[in-house]
N, C-alpha and C. Protein backbone atom coordinates (compact mmCIF):
# COMPACT_ATOMS: atom_id res chain seq x y z
N UNK A 1 0.80 -1.22 -0.06
CA UNK A 1 0.00 -0.18 -0.16
C UNK A 1 0.63 1.65 0.28
N UNK A 2 2.67 1.24 -0.20
CA UNK A 2 2.96 2.32 -0.78
C UNK A 2 3.30 2.79 0.61
N UNK A 3 3.41 1.80 1.57
CA UNK A 3 4.25 2.08 3.24
C UNK A 3 5.72 0.67 2.92
N UNK A 4 6.31 1.61 3.77
CA UNK A 4 7.27 0.59 4.28
C UNK A 4 7.56 0.42 5.57
N UNK A 5 7.35 -0.66 6.52
CA UNK A 5 6.81 -0.25 7.95
C UNK A 5 8.12 -0.99 8.84
N UNK A 6 8.90 -0.75 9.44
CA UNK A 6 9.31 -1.80 10.33
C UNK A 6 9.92 -1.56 11.87
N UNK A 7 9.93 -2.25 12.94
CA UNK A 7 10.59 -2.03 14.18
C UNK A 7 11.37 -0.90 14.39
N UNK A 8 10.56 -0.44 15.68
CA UNK A 8 12.16 0.79 16.63
C UNK A 8 12.46 0.77 17.41
N UNK A 9 13.88 0.55 17.92
CA UNK A 9 14.73 0.47 18.90
C UNK A 9 13.81 -0.11 19.60
N UNK A 10 13.95 -0.78 20.67
CA UNK A 10 12.93 -0.91 22.16
C UNK A 10 13.98 -0.30 23.77
N UNK A 11 15.21 0.21 22.91
CA UNK A 11 15.82 0.13 24.29
C UNK A 11 15.45 1.52 25.50
N UNK A 12 15.72 0.75 26.09
CA UNK A 12 14.57 1.60 26.78
C UNK A 12 15.87 2.72 27.67
N UNK A 13 15.81 4.50 27.43
CA UNK A 13 16.96 4.81 28.22
C UNK A 13 15.83 5.97 28.88
N UNK A 14 16.33 6.51 29.35
CA UNK A 14 16.14 7.44 30.51
C UNK A 14 15.79 8.71 30.08
N UNK A 15 14.23 9.15 29.79
CA UNK A 15 13.76 10.30 29.30
C UNK A 15 14.18 10.82 28.03
N UNK A 16 13.87 9.24 27.02
CA UNK A 16 14.41 9.59 25.95
C UNK A 16 13.25 8.54 25.16
N UNK A 17 12.83 9.69 24.31
CA UNK A 17 10.72 8.46 23.71
C UNK A 17 11.56 7.86 22.94
N UNK A 18 10.46 6.76 22.43
CA UNK A 18 10.35 5.85 20.90
C UNK A 18 9.38 6.12 20.90
N UNK A 19 9.72 5.16 19.53
CA UNK A 19 8.30 4.60 19.16
C UNK A 19 7.90 3.43 18.66
N UNK A 20 7.38 2.43 18.67
CA UNK A 20 6.78 1.20 18.77
C UNK A 20 7.17 0.88 17.09
N UNK A 21 6.67 1.23 16.20
CA UNK A 21 6.84 1.11 14.80
C UNK A 21 7.76 2.42 14.26
N UNK A 22 7.77 2.30 12.67
CA UNK A 22 8.86 3.44 12.15
C UNK A 22 8.11 2.67 11.09
N UNK A 23 7.21 3.96 10.10
CA UNK A 23 6.53 4.00 9.15
C UNK A 23 7.32 4.89 8.20
N UNK A 24 7.31 4.59 6.44
CA UNK A 24 8.04 5.62 5.75
C UNK A 24 7.07 5.55 4.25
N UNK A 25 5.79 7.12 3.84
CA UNK A 25 5.24 6.63 2.90
C UNK A 25 5.96 7.16 1.77
N UNK A 26 5.54 6.29 0.95
CA UNK A 26 6.43 6.43 -0.58
C UNK A 26 5.79 7.44 -0.86
N UNK A 27 3.72 7.55 -1.00
CA UNK A 27 3.31 7.98 -1.59
C UNK A 27 3.81 9.73 -1.41
N UNK A 28 3.27 10.40 0.05
CA UNK A 28 3.38 11.15 0.30
C UNK A 28 4.89 12.26 0.80
N UNK A 29 6.24 11.38 0.69
CA UNK A 29 7.32 11.11 1.04
C UNK A 29 7.34 11.29 2.79
N UNK A 30 6.84 10.73 3.58
CA UNK A 30 6.36 11.44 5.10
C UNK A 30 7.13 10.10 5.78
N UNK A 31 7.79 10.62 6.65
CA UNK A 31 8.11 9.60 7.78
C UNK A 31 6.98 9.29 8.84
N UNK A 32 6.36 8.40 9.62
CA UNK A 32 5.62 8.08 10.55
C UNK A 32 6.05 7.68 11.21
N UNK A 33 5.88 7.92 12.93
CA UNK A 33 5.94 7.46 13.85
C UNK A 33 4.05 6.18 14.64
N UNK A 34 4.38 5.39 14.63
CA UNK A 34 3.11 4.26 14.41
C UNK A 34 2.95 4.15 16.00
N UNK A 35 2.41 4.20 16.62
CA UNK A 35 2.20 3.72 18.19
C UNK A 35 1.06 2.86 18.24
N UNK A 36 1.33 1.61 18.75
CA UNK A 36 -0.07 0.87 19.23
C UNK A 36 -0.58 0.48 21.04
N UNK A 37 -1.90 0.89 20.56
CA UNK A 37 -2.08 1.28 22.60
C UNK A 37 -3.12 -0.25 22.35
N UNK A 38 -2.84 -1.22 23.67
CA UNK A 38 -3.97 -1.47 24.36
C UNK A 38 -4.81 -1.24 24.94
N UNK A 39 -5.61 -2.07 24.96
CA UNK A 39 -7.43 -1.80 25.81
C UNK A 39 -6.97 -1.31 26.87
N UNK A 40 -5.59 -2.12 28.25
CA UNK A 40 -6.01 -2.23 28.96
C UNK A 40 -5.11 -1.11 29.31
N UNK A 41 -3.93 -0.32 28.28
CA UNK A 41 -3.36 1.08 28.69
C UNK A 41 -4.32 1.97 27.83
N UNK A 42 -5.09 2.06 27.21
CA UNK A 42 -6.15 3.06 27.47
C UNK A 42 -7.46 3.42 28.19
N UNK A 43 -7.16 2.29 28.83
CA UNK A 43 -8.45 2.37 29.95
C UNK A 43 -7.42 3.12 31.36
N UNK A 44 -6.50 3.06 31.52
CA UNK A 44 -5.75 2.62 32.90
C UNK A 44 -4.51 4.27 32.89
N UNK A 45 -4.75 4.14 31.00
CA UNK A 45 -3.36 6.00 31.63
C UNK A 45 -3.93 6.11 30.09
N UNK A 46 -5.20 7.20 29.94
CA UNK A 46 -5.41 7.50 28.82
C UNK A 46 -4.49 8.78 28.37
N UNK A 47 -3.74 9.49 29.32
CA UNK A 47 -2.87 10.25 29.07
C UNK A 47 -1.54 10.02 28.04
N UNK A 48 -1.07 8.72 28.80
CA UNK A 48 0.06 8.44 28.13
C UNK A 48 -0.62 7.81 26.69
N UNK A 49 -1.56 7.93 26.30
CA UNK A 49 -1.84 7.97 24.39
C UNK A 49 -1.80 9.23 24.23
N UNK A 50 -1.79 10.01 24.98
CA UNK A 50 -2.24 11.23 24.15
C UNK A 50 -0.71 11.68 24.00
N UNK A 51 0.44 11.51 24.94
CA UNK A 51 1.67 12.38 25.18
C UNK A 51 1.89 11.25 23.62
N UNK A 52 1.60 9.89 23.33
CA UNK A 52 2.35 8.94 22.29
C UNK A 52 1.44 10.15 20.80
N UNK A 53 0.30 10.62 20.91
CA UNK A 53 -0.04 11.42 20.51
C UNK A 53 0.47 12.87 19.55
N UNK A 54 1.40 13.07 20.40
CA UNK A 54 1.82 14.18 20.55
C UNK A 54 3.80 14.18 20.52
N UNK A 55 4.26 13.51 20.81
CA UNK A 55 5.30 13.40 21.36
C UNK A 55 6.08 13.14 19.96
N UNK A 56 5.95 13.30 19.26
CA UNK A 56 6.51 12.88 17.77
C UNK A 56 7.37 13.24 16.73
N UNK A 57 6.21 14.68 16.57
CA UNK A 57 7.57 16.31 15.95
C UNK A 57 8.78 16.18 16.79
N UNK A 58 9.62 16.16 17.73
CA UNK A 58 10.17 16.34 18.66
C UNK A 58 11.20 15.17 18.61
N UNK A 59 10.70 13.80 17.79
CA UNK A 59 11.48 12.79 17.68
C UNK A 59 11.75 12.60 15.79
N UNK A 60 11.30 13.52 15.16
CA UNK A 60 11.74 14.45 13.68
C UNK A 60 11.23 13.08 12.68
N UNK A 61 9.12 13.21 12.93
CA UNK A 61 8.66 12.07 12.15
C UNK A 61 7.77 13.17 11.71
N UNK A 62 7.12 13.40 10.77
CA UNK A 62 6.31 13.81 9.27
C UNK A 62 4.65 13.84 10.24
N UNK A 63 4.16 12.11 10.72
CA UNK A 63 3.45 12.51 11.46
C UNK A 63 3.18 11.43 12.66
N UNK A 64 2.02 11.14 12.32
CA UNK A 64 1.67 10.12 13.56
C UNK A 64 0.27 9.38 13.41
N UNK A 65 0.83 7.91 13.54
CA UNK A 65 -0.79 6.95 14.02
C UNK A 65 -0.71 5.94 14.63
N UNK A 66 -1.59 5.74 15.46
CA UNK A 66 -2.13 5.55 16.07
C UNK A 66 -3.05 4.28 16.10
N UNK A 67 -2.32 2.50 16.51
CA UNK A 67 -3.32 2.28 16.63
C UNK A 67 -3.65 1.50 18.01
N UNK A 68 -5.52 0.48 17.28
CA UNK A 68 -5.88 0.39 19.10
C UNK A 68 -7.01 -0.68 18.48
N UNK A 69 -7.48 -1.49 19.47
CA UNK A 69 -8.66 -2.60 19.16
C UNK A 69 -9.61 -2.09 20.20
N UNK A 70 -9.63 -1.32 21.10
CA UNK A 70 -10.52 -0.39 21.72
C UNK A 70 -10.96 0.76 21.42
N UNK A 71 -12.31 0.97 20.80
CA UNK A 71 -13.18 2.30 20.28
C UNK A 71 -12.18 3.88 21.63
N UNK A 72 -11.85 3.23 22.36
CA UNK A 72 -11.59 4.29 23.73
C UNK A 72 -10.23 5.51 22.99
N UNK A 73 -9.65 4.51 22.07
CA UNK A 73 -8.44 5.64 21.11
C UNK A 73 -9.34 6.11 20.59
N UNK A 74 -10.61 6.30 19.95
CA UNK A 74 -11.16 7.18 19.00
C UNK A 74 -11.70 8.43 20.11
N UNK A 75 -12.06 7.74 21.08
CA UNK A 75 -12.50 9.20 21.91
C UNK A 75 -11.84 9.70 22.36
N UNK A 76 -10.55 9.05 23.25
CA UNK A 76 -9.42 10.37 23.57
C UNK A 76 -8.69 10.92 22.64
N UNK A 77 -8.57 10.69 21.26
CA UNK A 77 -8.11 11.53 20.26
C UNK A 77 -9.83 12.74 20.20
N UNK A 78 -10.77 12.50 19.84
CA UNK A 78 -11.63 13.27 19.64
C UNK A 78 -12.03 14.64 21.41
N UNK A 79 -11.69 13.84 21.79
CA UNK A 79 -11.76 14.96 23.23
C UNK A 79 -10.45 15.80 23.25
N UNK A 80 -9.62 15.15 22.93
CA UNK A 80 -8.45 15.53 24.02
C UNK A 80 -7.24 16.23 22.88
N UNK A 81 -7.57 15.89 21.01
CA UNK A 81 -6.09 16.49 20.12
C UNK A 81 -6.95 17.90 19.18
N UNK A 82 -6.30 18.27 19.28
CA UNK A 82 -7.16 20.44 18.46
C UNK A 82 -6.88 19.91 17.55
N UNK A 83 -7.60 20.49 16.36
CA UNK A 83 -8.19 20.59 15.07
C UNK A 83 -6.32 20.45 14.14
N UNK A 84 -5.92 21.55 14.69
CA UNK A 84 -3.86 21.57 14.51
C UNK A 84 -2.95 20.35 14.96
N UNK A 85 -3.48 19.47 15.27
CA UNK A 85 -2.80 18.17 16.03
C UNK A 85 -3.43 17.77 15.13
N UNK A 86 -4.71 17.48 14.82
CA UNK A 86 -5.38 16.27 14.55
C UNK A 86 -4.87 16.37 13.12
N UNK A 87 -3.90 17.34 12.22
CA UNK A 87 -3.73 17.24 10.89
C UNK A 87 -3.23 16.10 10.31
N UNK A 88 -2.03 15.77 11.44
CA UNK A 88 -1.29 15.18 11.08
C UNK A 88 -1.01 13.92 12.02
N UNK A 89 -2.10 12.97 12.83
CA UNK A 89 -2.58 12.22 13.76
C UNK A 89 -3.86 11.83 13.28
N UNK A 90 -3.59 10.34 13.12
CA UNK A 90 -4.31 9.61 12.58
C UNK A 90 -4.60 8.37 13.67
N UNK A 91 -5.91 7.95 13.77
CA UNK A 91 -6.18 7.25 14.89
C UNK A 91 -7.07 5.80 13.89
N UNK A 92 -6.79 4.71 14.27
CA UNK A 92 -6.83 3.49 13.97
C UNK A 92 -7.58 2.57 15.06
N UNK A 93 -8.75 1.94 14.67
CA UNK A 93 -9.81 1.82 15.61
C UNK A 93 -10.16 0.04 14.53
N UNK A 94 -9.05 -1.06 15.23
CA UNK A 94 -9.11 -2.59 14.24
C UNK A 94 -9.75 -3.13 14.94
N UNK A 95 -10.98 -4.08 14.59
CA UNK A 95 -11.58 -4.82 15.36
C UNK A 95 -11.45 -6.65 14.37
N UNK A 96 -11.20 -7.20 15.61
CA UNK A 96 -10.08 -8.52 15.81
C UNK A 96 -11.87 -9.19 16.24
N UNK A 97 -11.41 -10.04 15.05
CA UNK A 97 -12.46 -11.42 15.07
C UNK A 97 -11.52 -12.22 15.91
N UNK A 98 -12.74 -13.29 16.91
CA UNK A 98 -12.79 -14.32 17.16
C UNK A 98 -12.12 -15.44 17.09
N UNK A 99 -11.16 -16.23 16.68
CA UNK A 99 -11.27 -17.06 16.10
C UNK A 99 -11.61 -19.12 16.73
């Protein structure tokens, strides 16, 4: 679909931000910070998801995509992300079927 995606280095350094995945859009020539949010994280620490939606510019990315199976992600985005921030932040709520 015109994207290159790779796992980001997950070495934890004090006071240093990191992203879950790194993507690059060949169509738009932009780098993308990709965050994966669990349902439990969204319910217990919504402020962390908000932080993840805002940290990407200082990390050098052009935009941010946030993914979760929880509809809580969309609720947090709608209530906390400004129209200006929303230009470069996209959320994706996916449905996981029972196997």
